[in-house]
Amino acid sequence: MANSTVQFDLTNPQHVAMRKLMANVYARHVEANAQGLPLMALRYLGMAQGLEKVALYVLADHTLHQLCFELTCSLQGMDSIVRKEVAA
């Protein structure tokens, strides 16, 4: 995956708050996969997708939208790897 060209603006309170939410969703998703709970991991993926929509439609912040999109892609990639490992 290519490096992100967008970054959080840590002087913007919305970016700081979203960063905390994203970190929480990411950590919980990883933990759910580590515990072998694919449905729980799927819920956290859904939360990431929800954050994406909030960033775009509520906050109208394209930088946050891109960062949330990258989080969603990352979680989808992890789920794909876990599914392959389970199938093997």
C-alpha atoms as a PDB file:
ATOM      1  CA  MET A   1       0.000   0.000   0.000  1.00  0.00           C
ATOM      2  CA  ALA A   2       1.315   3.442  -0.876  1.00  0.00           C
ATOM      3  CA  ASN A   3       2.152   5.936   1.828  1.00  0.00           C
ATOM      4  CA  SER A   4      -0.545   8.444   2.620  1.00  0.00           C
ATOM      5  CA  THR A   5      -0.051  11.958   1.311  1.00  0.00           C
ATOM      6  CA  VAL A   6      -2.643  13.371   3.719  1.00  0.00           C
ATOM      7  CA  GLN A   7      -2.002  13.889   7.410  1.00  0.00           C
ATOM      8  CA  PHE A   8      -3.944  14.713  10.511  1.00  0.00           C
ATOM      9  CA  ASP A   9      -3.964  18.397  11.404  1.00  0.00           C
ATOM     10  CA  LEU A  10      -3.248  18.082  15.117  1.00  0.00           C
ATOM     11  CA  THR A  11      -4.216  21.725  15.643  1.00  0.00           C
ATOM     12  CA  ASN A  12      -7.759  20.865  14.505  1.00  0.00           C
ATOM     13  CA  PRO A  13      -9.890  19.422  17.351  1.00  0.00           C
ATOM     14  CA  GLN A  14     -11.985  17.396  14.880  1.00  0.00           C
ATOM     15  CA  HIS A  15      -8.855  15.704  13.558  1.00  0.00           C
ATOM     16  CA  VAL A  16      -7.629  14.917  17.073  1.00  0.00           C
ATOM     17  CA  ALA A  17     -11.006  13.450  18.055  1.00  0.00           C
ATOM     18  CA  MET A  18     -11.272  11.410  14.852  1.00  0.00           C
ATOM     19  CA  ARG A  19      -7.727  10.137  15.282  1.00  0.00           C
ATOM     20  CA  LYS A  20      -8.661   8.777  18.718  1.00  0.00           C
ATOM     21  CA  LEU A  21     -11.775   7.103  17.341  1.00  0.00           C
ATOM     22  CA  MET A  22      -9.851   5.585  14.451  1.00  0.00           C
ATOM     23  CA  ALA A  23      -7.139   4.243  16.763  1.00  0.00           C
ATOM     24  CA  ASN A  24      -9.802   2.689  18.982  1.00  0.00           C
ATOM     25  CA  VAL A  25     -11.592   1.030  16.061  1.00  0.00           C
ATOM     26  CA  TYR A  26      -8.285  -0.250  14.659  1.00  0.00           C
ATOM     27  CA  ALA A  27      -7.164  -1.723  17.993  1.00  0.00           C
ATOM     28  CA  ARG A  28     -10.508  -3.397  18.649  1.00  0.00           C
ATOM     29  CA  HIS A  29     -10.588  -4.825  15.124  1.00  0.00           C
ATOM     30  CA  VAL A  30      -7.117  -6.316  15.558  1.00  0.00           C
ATOM     31  CA  GLU A  31      -8.110  -7.770  18.928  1.00  0.00           C
ATOM     32  CA  ALA A  32     -11.301  -9.292  17.520  1.00  0.00           C
ATOM     33  CA  ASN A  33      -9.322 -10.997  14.757  1.00  0.00           C
ATOM     34  CA  ALA A  34      -6.698 -12.172  17.239  1.00  0.00           C
ATOM     35  CA  GLN A  35      -9.436 -13.759  19.351  1.00  0.00           C
ATOM     36  CA  GLY A  36     -10.980 -15.463  16.313  1.00  0.00           C
ATOM     37  CA  LEU A  37     -14.144 -13.361  16.362  1.00  0.00           C
ATOM     38  CA  PRO A  38     -14.779 -12.551  12.681  1.00  0.00           C
ATOM     39  CA  LEU A  39     -18.272 -11.127  13.233  1.00  0.00           C
ATOM     40  CA  MET A  40     -16.940  -8.733  15.861  1.00  0.00           C
ATOM     41  CA  ALA A  41     -14.116  -7.740  13.498  1.00  0.00           C
ATOM     42  CA  LEU A  42     -16.750  -7.112  10.821  1.00  0.00           C
ATOM     43  CA  ARG A  43     -18.585  -4.784  13.199  1.00  0.00           C
ATOM     44  CA  TYR A  44     -15.438  -2.736  13.675  1.00  0.00           C
ATOM     45  CA  LEU A  45     -14.970  -2.615   9.918  1.00  0.00           C
ATOM     46  CA  GLY A  46     -18.494  -1.206   9.730  1.00  0.00           C
ATOM     47  CA  MET A  47     -17.573   1.409  12.312  1.00  0.00           C
ATOM     48  CA  ALA A  48     -14.594   2.443  10.196  1.00  0.00           C
ATOM     49  CA  GLN A  49     -16.900   2.801   7.206  1.00  0.00           C
ATOM     50  CA  GLY A  50     -19.235   4.890   9.362  1.00  0.00           C
ATOM     51  CA  LEU A  51     -16.383   7.198  10.344  1.00  0.00           C
ATOM     52  CA  GLU A  52     -15.625   7.573   6.647  1.00  0.00           C
ATOM     53  CA  LYS A  53     -19.186   8.735   5.987  1.00  0.00           C
ATOM     54  CA  VAL A  54     -19.161  11.117   8.962  1.00  0.00           C
ATOM     55  CA  ALA A  55     -15.932  12.687   7.727  1.00  0.00           C
ATOM     56  CA  LEU A  56     -17.362  13.199   4.241  1.00  0.00           C
ATOM     57  CA  TYR A  57     -21.033  14.014   4.792  1.00  0.00           C
ATOM     58  CA  VAL A  58     -21.161  15.525   8.276  1.00  0.00           C
ATOM     59  CA  LEU A  59     -17.786  17.181   8.706  1.00  0.00           C
ATOM     60  CA  ALA A  60     -17.221  17.781   4.966  1.00  0.00           C
ATOM     61  CA  ASP A  61     -13.523  17.205   5.611  1.00  0.00           C
ATOM     62  CA  HIS A  62     -11.867  15.532   2.652  1.00  0.00           C
ATOM     63  CA  THR A  63      -8.605  14.990   4.506  1.00  0.00           C
ATOM     64  CA  LEU A  64     -10.379  13.083   7.272  1.00  0.00           C
ATOM     65  CA  HIS A  65     -12.390  11.214   4.671  1.00  0.00           C
ATOM     66  CA  GLN A  66      -9.195  10.048   2.968  1.00  0.00           C
ATOM     67  CA  LEU A  67      -7.656   8.977   6.285  1.00  0.00           C
ATOM     68  CA  CYS A  68     -10.807   7.066   7.251  1.00  0.00           C
ATOM     69  CA  PHE A  69     -10.912   5.470   3.797  1.00  0.00           C
ATOM     70  CA  GLU A  70      -7.348   4.275   4.310  1.00  0.00           C
ATOM     71  CA  LEU A  71      -8.324   2.831   7.686  1.00  0.00           C
ATOM     72  CA  THR A  72     -11.220   0.968   6.065  1.00  0.00           C
ATOM     73  CA  CYS A  73      -8.912  -0.405   3.360  1.00  0.00           C
ATOM     74  CA  SER A  74      -6.432  -1.514   6.010  1.00  0.00           C
ATOM     75  CA  LEU A  75      -9.088  -3.356   8.005  1.00  0.00           C
ATOM     76  CA  GLN A  76     -10.417  -5.021   4.847  1.00  0.00           C
ATOM     77  CA  GLY A  77      -6.896  -6.153   4.005  1.00  0.00           C
ATOM     78  CA  MET A  78      -6.430  -7.622   7.480  1.00  0.00           C
ATOM     79  CA  ASP A  79      -9.759  -9.447   7.232  1.00  0.00           C
ATOM     80  CA  SER A  80      -8.708 -10.897   3.888  1.00  0.00           C
ATOM     81  CA  ILE A  81      -5.459 -12.194   5.386  1.00  0.00           C
ATOM     82  CA  VAL A  82      -7.271 -13.703   8.371  1.00  0.00           C
ATOM     83  CA  ARG A  83      -9.781 -15.463   6.099  1.00  0.00           C
ATOM     84  CA  LYS A  84      -6.950 -16.947   4.043  1.00  0.00           C
ATOM     85  CA  GLU A  85      -5.174 -18.143   7.194  1.00  0.00           C
ATOM     86  CA  VAL A  86      -8.359 -19.765   8.513  1.00  0.00           C
ATOM     87  CA  ALA A  87      -9.005 -21.468   5.169  1.00  0.00           C
ATOM     88  CA  ALA A  88      -5.462 -22.875   5.010  1.00  0.00           C
END
